[in-house]
């Protein structure tokens, strides 16, 4: 065998070894990258599955909450059953639904409510900034005929009156834009609205609520205070349906409906309400 062939073969040995030494880290790197990609695909699949499960759980809760609205309609189909405030409950196969019903005529209307009611309601509800008198003045100025302002939702009062959104939460449930009256219906007005009536004391307001529950007339002193601001009831209701499922999902449906035309409910509002978050102590606010 020629000497130069032996020399070339001998030289190829170290080169092959070097090539093999270089290829091994590359292969290991590729395997590592493939492993990471596979792990990410598994994680993505798990995330997609969890998202799908969450959507399915929310859909079940939403259907349950919407069923609560249908429960209200069935109950209020009979005018004799239209007693408010009202709470309805229903046990489901995988949770429960609680429906609360309040009358819009038992609230203070931002567009037509008496100025004294608006100011006093802001005051008794603890809305301190700006001063309730100033906040009421801004509301009245906005809705004045020359200004042409119309509230389409109670939340609009936040910007108009310069109210703190958190403070507004204290009074939100007692305001409406669907009452269409200057006064209140004492038969359905909650305690806070009763306390907005000039001269009404906590004791008298409580007596009105007790008499309402017993189906008897309120005290004469309360009747005298309520008479100038008394409004006729109208079958316009806020329906708040809360579905709580066994899997922990919650859905809150809020509807405002006009039942003035028998057999033909008119939806005025249909929205999802975000349930309050628990505070640091774990108690829902």
Foldseek 3Di string as FASTA:
>chain_A
DDPVVVVVVVVVVVVVVVVVVVVVVVVVVVVVVVVVVVVVVVVVVVVVVVVVVVVVVQVVQVVQLVVLVVVVCVQPLPVVSPAPQDWDKDADPFFIKIKTKAFQLLAAELQAAALLLQLLLLVLLPQPPPNSNQLSVQSCVCNPPVNPHADPAPVVSCVSSVTDPVSVVSRRVRYDNPNPYHAGALLGHDLSSLSSQPPDDSVQSVQSVVCSVVVHHGDPVSCVSRVVRHDDGFQWMWMWMWIAGNVGDIWIWIWIWGCRDNPDIDTPDTDTDDAADADPVRHGD
